[in-house]
Amino acid sequence: MINNKEDIIKILRLANEFENNIISIGMGDKGKITRILSPLFGSVVSYASFKNKSSAPGQIDIEELKETINILKKYL
C-alpha cells in the first residue's frame, strides 16, 4: 500500500534495479502512479481493470493505462 512519496520512489527503484525481472506495483489510490510508471522503469507488467471493474485498489482501466504509457514512452 502506498502511503507517501517515499513508497512510490521505493517501488520505482525496485523496478529499475531488477529491470525485466520483477513486477512492482503500489496499491491504493496513491499507488496509481506506480501502475503507470513502473513498466517504464522496468517492471515486467502492470495490472489494470477492464471496463472500469477493478479487482484491487488503485487499478486504472486498461485502455486509459495503455494510452497513458504510450504517450509517456514518446518522451523517454
PDB file of N, CA and C in Angstrom:
ATOM      1  N   MET A   1       0.859  -1.177   0.000  1.00  0.00           N
ATOM      2  CA  MET A   1       0.000   0.000   0.000  1.00  0.00           C
ATOM      3  C   MET A   1       0.900   1.234   0.000  1.00  0.00           C
ATOM      4  N   ILE A   2       0.658   2.117  -0.921  1.00  0.00           N
ATOM      5  CA  ILE A   2       1.431   3.355  -0.999  1.00  0.00           C
ATOM      6  C   ILE A   2       0.833   4.371  -0.039  1.00  0.00           C
ATOM      7  N   ASN A   3       1.676   4.892   0.834  1.00  0.00           N
ATOM      8  CA  ASN A   3       1.229   5.880   1.809  1.00  0.00           C
ATOM      9  C   ASN A   3       1.838   7.255   1.600  1.00  0.00           C
ATOM     10  N   ASN A   4       2.973   7.315   0.871  1.00  0.00           N
ATOM     11  CA  ASN A   4       3.661   8.600   0.705  1.00  0.00           C
ATOM     12  C   ASN A   4       4.612   8.542  -0.500  1.00  0.00           C
ATOM     13  N   LYS A   5       5.254   9.660  -0.791  1.00  0.00           N
ATOM     14  CA  LYS A   5       6.163   9.741  -1.941  1.00  0.00           C
ATOM     15  C   LYS A   5       7.331   8.768  -1.821  1.00  0.00           C
ATOM     16  N   GLU A   6       7.796   8.549  -0.602  1.00  0.00           N
ATOM     17  CA  GLU A   6       8.921   7.644  -0.398  1.00  0.00           C
ATOM     18  C   GLU A   6       8.567   6.222  -0.831  1.00  0.00           C
ATOM     19  N   ASP A   7       7.329   5.798  -0.588  1.00  0.00           N
ATOM     20  CA  ASP A   7       6.881   4.471  -1.026  1.00  0.00           C
ATOM     21  C   ASP A   7       6.908   4.370  -2.549  1.00  0.00           C
ATOM     22  N   ILE A   8       6.489   5.427  -3.213  1.00  0.00           N
ATOM     23  CA  ILE A   8       6.498   5.445  -4.682  1.00  0.00           C
ATOM     24  C   ILE A   8       7.924   5.313  -5.191  1.00  0.00           C
ATOM     25  N   ILE A   9       8.833   6.049  -4.612  1.00  0.00           N
ATOM     26  CA  ILE A   9      10.240   6.004  -5.018  1.00  0.00           C
ATOM     27  C   ILE A   9      10.818   4.609  -4.816  1.00  0.00           C
ATOM     28  N   LYS A  10      10.482   3.956  -3.707  1.00  0.00           N
ATOM     29  CA  LYS A  10      10.967   2.594  -3.447  1.00  0.00           C
ATOM     30  C   LYS A  10      10.509   1.628  -4.532  1.00  0.00           C
ATOM     31  N   ILE A  11       9.245   1.715  -4.899  1.00  0.00           N
ATOM     32  CA  ILE A  11       8.688   0.834  -5.935  1.00  0.00           C
ATOM     33  C   ILE A  11       9.407   1.047  -7.268  1.00  0.00           C
ATOM     34  N   LEU A  12       9.597   2.303  -7.643  1.00  0.00           N
ATOM     35  CA  LEU A  12      10.244   2.601  -8.922  1.00  0.00           C
ATOM     36  C   LEU A  12      11.719   2.204  -8.910  1.00  0.00           C
ATOM     37  N   ARG A  13      12.378   2.356  -7.784  1.00  0.00           N
ATOM     38  CA  ARG A  13      13.777   1.918  -7.669  1.00  0.00           C
ATOM     39  C   ARG A  13      13.881   0.407  -7.839  1.00  0.00           C
ATOM     40  N   LEU A  14      12.966  -0.330  -7.239  1.00  0.00           N
ATOM     41  CA  LEU A  14      12.966  -1.785  -7.393  1.00  0.00           C
ATOM     42  C   LEU A  14      12.772  -2.182  -8.850  1.00  0.00           C
ATOM     43  N   ALA A  15      11.826  -1.534  -9.520  1.00  0.00           N
ATOM     44  CA  ALA A  15      11.589  -1.820 -10.934  1.00  0.00           C
ATOM     45  C   ALA A  15      12.851  -1.563 -11.743  1.00  0.00           C
ATOM     46  N   ASN A  16      13.530  -0.483 -11.448  1.00  0.00           N
ATOM     47  CA  ASN A  16      14.741  -0.122 -12.167  1.00  0.00           C
ATOM     48  C   ASN A  16      15.892  -1.081 -11.850  1.00  0.00           C
ATOM     49  N   GLU A  17      16.046  -1.427 -10.582  1.00  0.00           N
ATOM     50  CA  GLU A  17      17.147  -2.297 -10.161  1.00  0.00           C
ATOM     51  C   GLU A  17      17.011  -3.711 -10.735  1.00  0.00           C
ATOM     52  N   PHE A  18      15.793  -4.236 -10.751  1.00  0.00           N
ATOM     53  CA  PHE A  18      15.566  -5.601 -11.221  1.00  0.00           C
ATOM     54  C   PHE A  18      14.863  -5.606 -12.579  1.00  0.00           C
ATOM     55  N   GLU A  19      15.252  -4.692 -13.433  1.00  0.00           N
ATOM     56  CA  GLU A  19      14.604  -4.472 -14.736  1.00  0.00           C
ATOM     57  C   GLU A  19      14.297  -5.785 -15.459  1.00  0.00           C
ATOM     58  N   ASN A  20      13.066  -5.904 -15.874  1.00  0.00           N
ATOM     59  CA  ASN A  20      12.542  -7.063 -16.600  1.00  0.00           C
ATOM     60  C   ASN A  20      12.561  -8.355 -15.801  1.00  0.00           C
ATOM     61  N   ASN A  21      12.712  -8.270 -14.498  1.00  0.00           N
ATOM     62  CA  ASN A  21      12.712  -9.453 -13.639  1.00  0.00           C
ATOM     63  C   ASN A  21      11.785  -9.301 -12.442  1.00  0.00           C
ATOM     64  N   ILE A  22      10.951  -8.285 -12.440  1.00  0.00           N
ATOM     65  CA  ILE A  22      10.123  -8.016 -11.269  1.00  0.00           C
ATOM     66  C   ILE A  22       8.804  -7.371 -11.697  1.00  0.00           C
ATOM     67  N   ILE A  23       7.781  -7.622 -10.905  1.00  0.00           N
ATOM     68  CA  ILE A  23       6.518  -6.898 -11.049  1.00  0.00           C
ATOM     69  C   ILE A  23       6.449  -5.977  -9.842  1.00  0.00           C
ATOM     70  N   SER A  24       6.449  -4.691 -10.084  1.00  0.00           N
ATOM     71  CA  SER A  24       6.446  -3.728  -8.971  1.00  0.00           C
ATOM     72  C   SER A  24       5.264  -2.790  -9.118  1.00  0.00           C
ATOM     73  N   ILE A  25       4.334  -2.925  -8.175  1.00  0.00           N
ATOM     74  CA  ILE A  25       3.104  -2.143  -8.202  1.00  0.00           C
ATOM     75  C   ILE A  25       2.767  -1.699  -6.787  1.00  0.00           C
ATOM     76  N   GLY A  26       2.403  -0.445  -6.661  1.00  0.00           N
ATOM     77  CA  GLY A  26       1.925   0.066  -5.386  1.00  0.00           C
ATOM     78  C   GLY A  26       0.408   0.045  -5.372  1.00  0.00           C
ATOM     79  N   MET A  27      -0.154  -0.347  -4.256  1.00  0.00           N
ATOM     80  CA  MET A  27      -1.598  -0.465  -4.139  1.00  0.00           C
ATOM     81  C   MET A  27      -2.217   0.830  -3.617  1.00  0.00           C
ATOM     82  N   GLY A  28      -3.507   0.951  -3.810  1.00  0.00           N
ATOM     83  CA  GLY A  28      -4.271   2.078  -3.309  1.00  0.00           C
ATOM     84  C   GLY A  28      -4.299   3.244  -4.275  1.00  0.00           C
ATOM     85  N   ASP A  29      -5.087   4.246  -3.927  1.00  0.00           N
ATOM     86  CA  ASP A  29      -5.236   5.412  -4.786  1.00  0.00           C
ATOM     87  C   ASP A  29      -3.895   6.101  -5.032  1.00  0.00           C
ATOM     88  N   LYS A  30      -3.057   6.183  -3.994  1.00  0.00           N
ATOM     89  CA  LYS A  30      -1.744   6.814  -4.150  1.00  0.00           C
ATOM     90  C   LYS A  30      -0.793   5.947  -4.960  1.00  0.00           C
ATOM     91  N   GLY A  31      -1.121   4.682  -5.148  1.00  0.00           N
ATOM     92  CA  GLY A  31      -0.283   3.774  -5.931  1.00  0.00           C
ATOM     93  C   GLY A  31      -0.551   3.815  -7.421  1.00  0.00           C
ATOM     94  N   LYS A  32      -1.580   4.542  -7.841  1.00  0.00           N
ATOM     95  CA  LYS A  32      -1.920   4.601  -9.267  1.00  0.00           C
ATOM     96  C   LYS A  32      -0.726   5.008 -10.122  1.00  0.00           C
ATOM     97  N   ILE A  33       0.056   5.946  -9.654  1.00  0.00           N
ATOM     98  CA  ILE A  33       1.197   6.429 -10.433  1.00  0.00           C
ATOM     99  C   ILE A  33       2.202   5.303 -10.684  1.00  0.00           C
ATOM    100  N   THR A  34       2.326   4.360  -9.749  1.00  0.00           N
ATOM    101  CA  THR A  34       3.267   3.254  -9.956  1.00  0.00           C
ATOM    102  C   THR A  34       2.767   2.299 -11.031  1.00  0.00           C
ATOM    103  N   ARG A  35       1.473   2.204 -11.197  1.00  0.00           N
ATOM    104  CA  ARG A  35       0.921   1.341 -12.246  1.00  0.00           C
ATOM    105  C   ARG A  35       1.228   1.905 -13.632  1.00  0.00           C
ATOM    106  N   ILE A  36       1.401   3.211 -13.693  1.00  0.00           N
ATOM    107  CA  ILE A  36       1.751   3.871 -14.951  1.00  0.00           C
ATOM    108  C   ILE A  36       3.263   3.863 -15.168  1.00  0.00           C
ATOM    109  N   LEU A  37       4.009   4.236 -14.140  1.00  0.00           N
ATOM    110  CA  LEU A  37       5.449   4.426 -14.296  1.00  0.00           C
ATOM    111  C   LEU A  37       6.283   3.158 -14.163  1.00  0.00           C
ATOM    112  N   SER A  38       5.865   2.197 -13.373  1.00  0.00           N
ATOM    113  CA  SER A  38       6.689   1.002 -13.153  1.00  0.00           C
ATOM    114  C   SER A  38       7.094   0.291 -14.446  1.00  0.00           C
ATOM    115  N   PRO A  39       6.184   0.107 -15.410  1.00  0.00           N
ATOM    116  CA  PRO A  39       6.618  -0.533 -16.660  1.00  0.00           C
ATOM    117  C   PRO A  39       7.690   0.282 -17.405  1.00  0.00           C
ATOM    118  N   LEU A  40       7.653   1.574 -17.243  1.00  0.00           N
ATOM    119  CA  LEU A  40       8.653   2.420 -17.890  1.00  0.00           C
ATOM    120  C   LEU A  40      10.003   2.344 -17.180  1.00  0.00           C
ATOM    121  N   PHE A  41       9.983   1.917 -15.919  1.00  0.00           N
ATOM    122  CA  PHE A  41      11.207   1.769 -15.128  1.00  0.00           C
ATOM    123  C   PHE A  41      11.731   0.337 -15.158  1.00  0.00           C
ATOM    124  N   GLY A  42      10.965  -0.598 -15.744  1.00  0.00           N
ATOM    125  CA  GLY A  42      11.459  -1.964 -15.868  1.00  0.00           C
ATOM    126  C   GLY A  42      10.581  -3.055 -15.308  1.00  0.00           C
ATOM    127  N   SER A  43       9.437  -2.716 -14.721  1.00  0.00           N
ATOM    128  CA  SER A  43       8.529  -3.748 -14.247  1.00  0.00           C
ATOM    129  C   SER A  43       8.025  -4.555 -15.437  1.00  0.00           C
ATOM    130  N   VAL A  44       7.924  -5.861 -15.261  1.00  0.00           N
ATOM    131  CA  VAL A  44       7.540  -6.742 -16.355  1.00  0.00           C
ATOM    132  C   VAL A  44       6.109  -6.471 -16.816  1.00  0.00           C
ATOM    133  N   VAL A  45       5.217  -6.252 -15.879  1.00  0.00           N
ATOM    134  CA  VAL A  45       3.810  -5.990 -16.206  1.00  0.00           C
ATOM    135  C   VAL A  45       3.227  -4.974 -15.233  1.00  0.00           C
ATOM    136  N   SER A  46       2.048  -4.523 -15.563  1.00  0.00           N
ATOM    137  CA  SER A  46       1.227  -3.749 -14.650  1.00  0.00           C
ATOM    138  C   SER A  46      -0.138  -4.425 -14.650  1.00  0.00           C
ATOM    139  N   TYR A  47      -0.958  -4.096 -13.709  1.00  0.00           N
ATOM    140  CA  TYR A  47      -2.305  -4.649 -13.657  1.00  0.00           C
ATOM    141  C   TYR A  47      -3.298  -3.520 -13.844  1.00  0.00           C
ATOM    142  N   ALA A  48      -4.353  -3.798 -14.606  1.00  0.00           N
ATOM    143  CA  ALA A  48      -5.363  -2.793 -14.893  1.00  0.00           C
ATOM    144  C   ALA A  48      -6.747  -3.418 -14.772  1.00  0.00           C
ATOM    145  N   SER A  49      -7.741  -2.562 -14.735  1.00  0.00           N
ATOM    146  CA  SER A  49      -9.115  -3.057 -14.722  1.00  0.00           C
ATOM    147  C   SER A  49      -9.631  -3.131 -16.155  1.00  0.00           C
ATOM    148  N   PHE A  50     -10.693  -3.874 -16.342  1.00  0.00           N
ATOM    149  CA  PHE A  50     -11.339  -3.984 -17.644  1.00  0.00           C
ATOM    150  C   PHE A  50     -12.728  -3.389 -17.523  1.00  0.00           C
ATOM    151  N   LYS A  51     -12.993  -2.405 -18.349  1.00  0.00           N
ATOM    152  CA  LYS A  51     -14.274  -1.693 -18.316  1.00  0.00           C
ATOM    153  C   LYS A  51     -14.547  -1.120 -16.925  1.00  0.00           C
ATOM    154  N   ASN A  52     -13.481  -0.583 -16.314  1.00  0.00           N
ATOM    155  CA  ASN A  52     -13.542   0.070 -15.002  1.00  0.00           C
ATOM    156  C   ASN A  52     -14.066  -0.827 -13.879  1.00  0.00           C
ATOM    157  N   LYS A  53     -13.916  -2.141 -14.032  1.00  0.00           N
ATOM    158  CA  LYS A  53     -14.308  -3.077 -12.969  1.00  0.00           C
ATOM    159  C   LYS A  53     -13.035  -3.571 -12.294  1.00  0.00           C
ATOM    160  N   SER A  54     -12.550  -2.796 -11.346  1.00  0.00           N
ATOM    161  CA  SER A  54     -11.278  -3.125 -10.711  1.00  0.00           C
ATOM    162  C   SER A  54     -11.421  -4.264  -9.717  1.00  0.00           C
ATOM    163  N   SER A  55     -10.333  -4.995  -9.560  1.00  0.00           N
ATOM    164  CA  SER A  55     -10.299  -6.080  -8.582  1.00  0.00           C
ATOM    165  C   SER A  55      -9.331  -5.763  -7.442  1.00  0.00           C
ATOM    166  N   ALA A  56      -8.701  -4.577  -7.516  1.00  0.00           N
ATOM    167  CA  ALA A  56      -7.766  -4.159  -6.465  1.00  0.00           C
ATOM    168  C   ALA A  56      -7.753  -2.630  -6.393  1.00  0.00           C
ATOM    169  N   PRO A  57      -7.470  -2.095  -5.212  1.00  0.00           N
ATOM    170  CA  PRO A  57      -7.445  -0.636  -5.050  1.00  0.00           C
ATOM    171  C   PRO A  57      -6.389   0.025  -5.935  1.00  0.00           C
ATOM    172  N   GLY A  58      -6.786   1.067  -6.635  1.00  0.00           N
ATOM    173  CA  GLY A  58      -5.853   1.838  -7.447  1.00  0.00           C
ATOM    174  C   GLY A  58      -5.736   1.398  -8.893  1.00  0.00           C
ATOM    175  N   GLN A  59      -6.478   0.365  -9.289  1.00  0.00           N
ATOM    176  CA  GLN A  59      -6.381  -0.073 -10.676  1.00  0.00           C
ATOM    177  C   GLN A  59      -6.973   0.976 -11.613  1.00  0.00           C
ATOM    178  N   ILE A  60      -6.351   1.085 -12.771  1.00  0.00           N
ATOM    179  CA  ILE A  60      -6.758   2.013 -13.817  1.00  0.00           C
ATOM    180  C   ILE A  60      -7.332   1.181 -14.956  1.00  0.00           C
ATOM    181  N   ASP A  61      -8.307   1.697 -15.657  1.00  0.00           N
ATOM    182  CA  ASP A  61      -8.870   0.987 -16.798  1.00  0.00           C
ATOM    183  C   ASP A  61      -7.779   0.707 -17.821  1.00  0.00           C
ATOM    184  N   ILE A  62      -7.798  -0.468 -18.411  1.00  0.00           N
ATOM    185  CA  ILE A  62      -6.752  -0.922 -19.327  1.00  0.00           C
ATOM    186  C   ILE A  62      -6.537   0.041 -20.493  1.00  0.00           C
ATOM    187  N   GLU A  63      -7.592   0.556 -21.056  1.00  0.00           N
ATOM    188  CA  GLU A  63      -7.445   1.463 -22.202  1.00  0.00           C
ATOM    189  C   GLU A  63      -6.759   2.764 -21.781  1.00  0.00           C
ATOM    190  N   GLU A  64      -7.139   3.295 -20.641  1.00  0.00           N
ATOM    191  CA  GLU A  64      -6.520   4.521 -20.133  1.00  0.00           C
ATOM    192  C   GLU A  64      -5.047   4.278 -19.791  1.00  0.00           C
ATOM    193  N   LEU A  65      -4.755   3.125 -19.198  1.00  0.00           N
ATOM    194  CA  LEU A  65      -3.376   2.802 -18.833  1.00  0.00           C
ATOM    195  C   LEU A  65      -2.496   2.665 -20.077  1.00  0.00           C
ATOM    196  N   LYS A  66      -2.978   1.935 -21.077  1.00  0.00           N
ATOM    197  CA  LYS A  66      -2.194   1.769 -22.313  1.00  0.00           C
ATOM    198  C   LYS A  66      -1.943   3.107 -22.987  1.00  0.00           C
ATOM    199  N   GLU A  67      -2.971   3.929 -23.086  1.00  0.00           N
ATOM    200  CA  GLU A  67      -2.837   5.232 -23.731  1.00  0.00           C
ATOM    201  C   GLU A  67      -1.825   6.108 -22.995  1.00  0.00           C
ATOM    202  N   THR A  68      -1.910   6.127 -21.673  1.00  0.00           N
ATOM    203  CA  THR A  68      -1.005   6.950 -20.873  1.00  0.00           C
ATOM    204  C   THR A  68       0.438   6.480 -21.008  1.00  0.00           C
ATOM    205  N   ILE A  69       0.660   5.164 -20.927  1.00  0.00           N
ATOM    206  CA  ILE A  69       2.022   4.630 -21.065  1.00  0.00           C
ATOM    207  C   ILE A  69       2.571   4.925 -22.453  1.00  0.00           C
ATOM    208  N   ASN A  70       1.771   4.766 -23.487  1.00  0.00           N
ATOM    209  CA  ASN A  70       2.236   5.046 -24.846  1.00  0.00           C
ATOM    210  C   ASN A  70       2.607   6.515 -25.036  1.00  0.00           C
ATOM    211  N   ILE A  71       1.853   7.408 -24.436  1.00  0.00           N
ATOM    212  CA  ILE A  71       2.188   8.836 -24.506  1.00  0.00           C
ATOM    213  C   ILE A  71       3.516   9.096 -23.815  1.00  0.00           C
ATOM    214  N   LEU A  72       3.701   8.542 -22.635  1.00  0.00           N
ATOM    215  CA  LEU A  72       4.942   8.758 -21.890  1.00  0.00           C
ATOM    216  C   LEU A  72       6.157   8.162 -22.590  1.00  0.00           C
ATOM    217  N   LYS A  73       5.988   7.019 -23.258  1.00  0.00           N
ATOM    218  CA  LYS A  73       7.101   6.379 -23.976  1.00  0.00           C
ATOM    219  C   LYS A  73       7.679   7.300 -25.051  1.00  0.00           C
ATOM    220  N   LYS A  74       6.852   8.146 -25.605  1.00  0.00           N
ATOM    221  CA  LYS A  74       7.313   9.066 -26.652  1.00  0.00           C
ATOM    222  C   LYS A  74       8.336  10.062 -26.106  1.00  0.00           C
ATOM    223  N   TYR A  75       8.306  10.308 -24.815  1.00  0.00           N
ATOM    224  CA  TYR A  75       9.176  11.316 -24.205  1.00  0.00           C
ATOM    225  C   TYR A  75      10.352  10.713 -23.459  1.00  0.00           C
ATOM    226  N   LEU A  76      10.450   9.401 -23.429  1.00  0.00           N
ATOM    227  CA  LEU A  76      11.555   8.746 -22.723  1.00  0.00           C
ATOM    228  C   LEU A  76      12.530   8.089 -23.668  1.00  0.00           C
TER     229      LEU A  76
END
